[in-house]
């Protein structure tokens, strides 16, 4: 990841599945020349699993782990406040459970999505500048995964999961900024299995999002997926989703 990060030069870096300690993460960021950046990182209680972080050029005015006091020890939600001009920008990094249809794992996933819904409702009602990023482990529409017909009854593309995103985007005051920017096209996908020829055939899923309140979404100038040129050059089964925001007339990358 480090060479890509040095080339991309983002203002905000949101990470999921960090699977590392604070010390490990600090070492990697130092190798990328980001040792002086502000880091908000939370590990999961299960060692080597989950973990999310928000890393920014600007100092954090506040950091909150978990969603309104829930899921605070799972390494799945961290949010920070950053001053931008005369306003406050809130940035969250989320890692939603994978789930499994018809099991308790799916119940936990839906409970997490419900907690996100309430947190996001308050943000949109207040007309705040808020950005929710991360691996949501679900595709919203048929255009968001190659083999949608084969996944209609599987976690990640279940009707009840997709309905959550419907509520956020259609009624809840949120914008899927990447989809809005690229239009109604297939993908671009952000995750491909390591198995077989999924990457080479672009048989992927779009499960990584940047969701912005409408006021923040109005500042978007560009959005793209940093897909590796070849399978051999991949450094993750995910690819970074990059968006440029011109907040207060200044261009910021996330």
Protein backbone atom coordinates (compact mmCIF):
# COMPACT_ATOMS: atom_id res chain seq x y z
CA UNK A 1 0.00 0.00 0.00
CA UNK A 2 2.80 2.43 0.82
CA UNK A 3 3.92 3.23 -2.78
CA UNK A 4 0.31 3.88 -3.79
CA UNK A 5 -0.23 6.09 -0.76
CA UNK A 6 2.87 8.14 -1.47
CA UNK A 7 1.72 8.70 -5.04
CA UNK A 8 -1.93 9.46 -4.20
CA UNK A 9 -1.10 12.04 -1.51
CA UNK A 10 -4.58 12.10 0.08
CA UNK A 11 -5.66 14.58 2.73
CA UNK A 12 -7.77 11.93 4.45
CA UNK A 13 -7.09 8.20 4.61
CA UNK A 14 -9.80 5.82 5.85
CA UNK A 15 -8.82 2.22 6.51
CA UNK A 16 -10.80 -0.93 7.20
CA UNK A 17 -9.68 -4.45 8.16
CA UNK A 18 -6.54 -2.92 9.62
CA UNK A 19 -5.94 -6.10 11.69
CA UNK A 20 -3.03 -4.43 13.47
CA UNK A 21 -2.04 -2.83 16.74
CA UNK A 22 -1.52 0.89 17.15
CA UNK A 23 2.23 0.26 17.01
CA UNK A 24 2.00 -1.72 13.77
CA UNK A 25 -0.17 0.92 12.11
CA UNK A 26 2.11 3.75 13.23
CA UNK A 27 5.09 1.92 11.69
CA UNK A 28 3.40 1.61 8.29
CA UNK A 29 2.28 5.24 8.32
CA UNK A 30 5.81 6.35 9.22
CA UNK A 31 7.16 4.37 6.26
CA UNK A 32 4.74 6.29 4.06
CA UNK A 33 5.92 9.62 5.46
CA UNK A 34 2.76 10.16 7.50
CA UNK A 35 4.18 9.88 11.01
CA UNK A 36 3.10 13.44 11.81
CA UNK A 37 -0.53 12.91 10.74
CA UNK A 38 -3.42 12.55 13.18
CA UNK A 39 -4.54 8.94 13.67
CA UNK A 40 -7.78 7.62 15.12
CA UNK A 41 -7.60 3.82 15.23
CA UNK A 42 -9.65 1.21 17.04
CA UNK A 43 -8.82 -2.48 17.18
CA UNK A 44 -11.31 -5.29 17.50
CA UNK A 45 -11.27 -7.45 20.62
CA UNK A 46 -10.59 -10.48 18.42
CA UNK A 47 -6.89 -10.17 17.62
CA UNK A 48 -6.10 -10.04 13.91
CA UNK A 49 -9.67 -9.22 12.87
CA UNK A 50 -11.52 -6.04 11.91
CA UNK A 51 -9.97 -2.70 12.91
CA UNK A 52 -10.72 0.71 11.38
CA UNK A 53 -8.87 4.01 11.24
CA UNK A 54 -9.16 7.60 10.05
CA UNK A 55 -5.86 9.34 9.30
CA UNK A 56 -5.80 13.04 8.38
CA UNK A 57 -3.33 15.81 7.62
CA UNK A 58 -5.24 18.14 9.94
CA UNK A 59 -5.52 17.51 13.70
CA UNK A 60 -8.63 15.86 15.08
CA UNK A 61 -10.88 18.08 17.15
CA UNK A 62 -12.69 15.01 18.52
CA UNK A 63 -12.68 11.22 18.15
CA UNK A 64 -15.55 8.80 18.79
CA UNK A 65 -15.28 5.01 18.75
CA UNK A 66 -18.36 2.90 18.12
CA UNK A 67 -21.82 4.10 17.13
CA UNK A 68 -23.51 5.99 19.94
CA UNK A 69 -21.86 3.72 22.49
CA UNK A 70 -22.60 0.47 20.65
CA UNK A 71 -20.09 -1.81 18.88
CA UNK A 72 -17.27 0.10 20.53
CA UNK A 73 -15.06 -2.94 21.09
CA UNK A 74 -15.42 -4.54 17.66
CA UNK A 75 -13.09 -2.37 15.60
CA UNK A 76 -15.86 -1.49 13.15
CA UNK A 77 -16.59 2.23 13.55
CA UNK A 78 -14.48 5.29 14.33
CA UNK A 79 -15.31 8.90 13.49
CA UNK A 80 -13.40 12.15 13.82
CA UNK A 81 -14.13 15.85 13.60
CA UNK A 82 -11.76 18.07 11.62
CA UNK A 83 -11.97 21.84 11.29
CA UNK A 84 -12.20 23.05 7.70
CA UNK A 85 -12.42 26.79 7.23
CA UNK A 86 -15.21 28.01 9.48
CA UNK A 87 -17.01 24.65 9.49
CA UNK A 88 -16.61 21.18 10.97
CA UNK A 89 -16.16 18.06 8.84
CA UNK A 90 -16.97 14.68 10.38
CA UNK A 91 -15.36 11.61 8.81
CA UNK A 92 -16.25 8.02 9.72
CA UNK A 93 -14.56 4.77 8.77
CA UNK A 94 -16.86 1.74 8.89
CA UNK A 95 -16.34 -1.99 8.44
CA UNK A 96 -19.70 -3.75 8.28
CA UNK A 97 -19.95 -7.44 9.18
CA UNK A 98 -19.90 -9.95 6.31
CA UNK A 99 -23.04 -11.67 7.55
CA UNK A 100 -24.53 -14.99 6.47
CA UNK A 101 -28.12 -15.36 5.29
CA UNK A 102 -30.43 -17.03 7.79
CA UNK A 103 -27.96 -17.05 10.69
CA UNK A 104 -27.18 -15.02 13.80
CA UNK A 105 -24.26 -13.49 11.91
CA UNK A 106 -26.79 -11.82 9.62
CA UNK A 107 -28.80 -10.59 12.59
CA UNK A 108 -25.68 -8.88 13.97
CA UNK A 109 -24.99 -7.32 10.59
CA UNK A 110 -28.51 -5.93 10.36
CA UNK A 111 -28.25 -4.54 13.91
CA UNK A 112 -25.04 -2.74 12.95
CA UNK A 113 -26.69 -1.30 9.83
CA UNK A 114 -29.63 -0.15 11.98
CA UNK A 115 -27.23 1.68 14.31
CA UNK A 116 -25.60 3.32 11.29
CA UNK A 117 -29.03 4.38 10.05
CA UNK A 118 -29.83 6.22 13.29
CA UNK A 119 -26.42 7.91 13.43
CA UNK A 120 -26.69 9.00 9.79
CA UNK A 121 -30.26 10.24 10.25
CA UNK A 122 -29.14 12.66 12.94
CA UNK A 123 -26.31 13.92 10.77
CA UNK A 124 -28.52 14.57 7.75
CA UNK A 125 -31.23 16.19 9.88
CA UNK A 126 -28.63 18.60 11.25
CA UNK A 127 -27.35 19.37 7.72
CA UNK A 128 -23.80 18.68 8.89
CA UNK A 129 -20.77 18.06 6.69
CA UNK A 130 -20.36 14.32 7.22
CA UNK A 131 -18.58 11.63 5.23
CA UNK A 132 -19.11 7.92 5.92
CA UNK A 133 -16.57 5.69 4.22
CA UNK A 134 -15.81 2.04 4.26
CA UNK A 135 -16.35 -1.57 3.42
CA UNK A 136 -20.09 -2.03 3.83
CA UNK A 137 -20.02 -5.65 2.65
CA UNK A 138 -23.08 -5.15 0.49
CA UNK A 139 -23.83 -4.17 -3.07
CA UNK A 140 -26.75 -1.81 -3.62
CA UNK A 141 -27.91 -2.48 -7.17
CA UNK A 142 -27.42 -4.99 -9.97
CA UNK A 143 -24.80 -2.69 -11.47
CA UNK A 144 -22.74 -3.09 -8.30
CA UNK A 145 -21.74 -6.72 -8.79
CA UNK A 146 -20.97 -8.82 -11.84
CA UNK A 147 -22.84 -11.99 -10.86
CA UNK A 148 -25.93 -10.44 -9.31
CA UNK A 149 -28.27 -13.26 -10.37
CA UNK A 150 -26.17 -15.82 -8.53
CA UNK A 151 -26.15 -13.79 -5.31
CA UNK A 152 -29.79 -12.85 -4.82
CA UNK A 153 -30.11 -15.06 -1.74
CA UNK A 154 -26.65 -14.49 -0.31
CA UNK A 155 -25.39 -12.00 2.26
CA UNK A 156 -24.13 -8.89 0.56
CA UNK A 157 -27.04 -8.67 -1.89
CA UNK A 158 -30.08 -9.59 0.18
CA UNK A 159 -33.23 -7.46 -0.30
CA UNK A 160 -33.24 -6.34 3.34
CA UNK A 161 -29.62 -5.18 3.09
CA UNK A 162 -30.21 -3.29 -0.14
CA UNK A 163 -33.28 -1.68 1.41
CA UNK A 164 -31.07 -0.10 4.07
CA UNK A 165 -29.09 1.69 1.39
CA UNK A 166 -32.36 2.68 -0.30
CA UNK A 167 -33.37 4.40 2.92
CA UNK A 168 -30.08 6.26 3.24
CA UNK A 169 -29.90 7.40 -0.36
CA UNK A 170 -33.49 7.90 -1.42
CA UNK A 171 -35.05 9.24 1.75
CA UNK A 172 -32.26 9.87 4.23
CA UNK A 173 -30.42 12.80 2.73
CA UNK A 174 -27.25 10.90 1.75
CA UNK A 175 -25.43 10.63 -1.57
CA UNK A 176 -23.39 7.73 -2.94
CA UNK A 177 -20.86 10.13 -4.42
CA UNK A 178 -19.00 7.59 -6.55
CA UNK A 179 -22.19 6.29 -8.18
CA UNK A 180 -23.44 9.83 -8.79
CA UNK A 181 -20.15 10.79 -10.39
CA UNK A 182 -19.70 7.79 -12.72
CA UNK A 183 -23.35 7.39 -13.64
CA UNK A 184 -25.40 4.27 -14.33
CA UNK A 185 -22.64 1.93 -15.45
CA UNK A 186 -21.44 -1.51 -14.38
CA UNK A 187 -19.23 -1.05 -11.32
CA UNK A 188 -16.63 0.24 -11.23
CA UNK A 189 -16.02 -2.59 -8.77
CA UNK A 190 -13.84 -2.24 -5.68
CA UNK A 191 -13.47 -5.87 -4.53
CA UNK A 192 -12.47 -9.06 -6.34
CA UNK A 193 -11.90 -12.52 -4.93
CA UNK A 194 -8.31 -13.74 -4.88
CA UNK A 195 -9.58 -16.97 -6.39
CA UNK A 196 -9.59 -17.90 -10.05
CA UNK A 197 -9.77 -15.19 -12.68
CA UNK A 198 -12.13 -12.85 -10.84
CA UNK A 199 -9.77 -9.87 -11.06
CA UNK A 200 -8.64 -10.54 -14.63
CA UNK A 201 -12.26 -10.90 -15.75
CA UNK A 202 -13.40 -7.94 -13.64
CA UNK A 203 -15.95 -10.17 -11.92
CA UNK A 204 -16.15 -8.02 -8.82
CA UNK A 205 -18.37 -6.26 -6.31
CA UNK A 206 -18.75 -2.58 -5.50
CA UNK A 207 -18.94 -2.80 -1.71
CA UNK A 208 -16.66 0.10 -0.71
CA UNK A 209 -18.40 3.47 -0.46
CA UNK A 210 -18.04 7.13 0.26
CA UNK A 211 -21.43 8.36 1.44
CA UNK A 212 -21.77 12.11 1.98
CA UNK A 213 -24.47 14.38 3.30
CA UNK A 214 -25.95 16.44 0.49
CA UNK A 215 -24.11 19.62 1.43
CA UNK A 216 -20.77 17.81 1.31
CA UNK A 217 -21.67 15.85 -1.83
CA UNK A 218 -22.23 19.14 -3.66
CA UNK A 219 -18.49 19.82 -3.41
CA UNK A 220 -17.35 16.61 -5.19
CA UNK A 221 -15.15 17.24 -8.24
CA UNK A 222 -13.87 13.74 -9.07
CA UNK A 223 -14.28 10.11 -8.01
CA UNK A 224 -12.59 6.90 -9.11
CA UNK A 225 -11.45 3.44 -8.05
CA UNK A 226 -7.70 2.91 -7.88
CA UNK A 227 -7.78 -0.53 -9.52
CA UNK A 228 -4.32 -2.09 -9.89
CA UNK A 229 -3.15 -2.48 -13.51
CA UNK A 230 -2.52 -6.21 -13.06
CA UNK A 231 -3.24 -9.04 -10.62
CA UNK A 232 0.43 -9.12 -9.61
CA UNK A 233 0.35 -5.45 -8.61
CA UNK A 234 -2.59 -5.81 -6.20
CA UNK A 235 -1.89 -5.15 -2.53
CA UNK A 236 -5.37 -6.07 -1.32
CA UNK A 237 -8.50 -7.82 -2.53
CA UNK A 238 -10.05 -4.33 -2.31
CA UNK A 239 -9.11 -1.24 -4.35
CA UNK A 240 -9.14 2.29 -2.91
CA UNK A 241 -12.14 4.50 -3.64
CA UNK A 242 -10.84 8.04 -4.11
CA UNK A 243 -12.97 11.20 -4.12
CA UNK A 244 -11.95 14.85 -4.43
CA UNK A 245 -13.95 17.38 -2.39
CA UNK A 246 -13.61 21.15 -2.79
CA UNK A 247 -14.59 22.16 0.74
CA UNK A 248 -14.50 25.96 1.24
CA UNK A 249 -13.03 26.27 -2.24
CA UNK A 250 -10.02 24.11 -1.32
CA UNK A 251 -9.51 20.72 -2.95
CA UNK A 252 -9.29 17.79 -0.52
CA UNK A 253 -8.70 14.13 -1.39
CA UNK A 254 -10.28 11.29 0.60
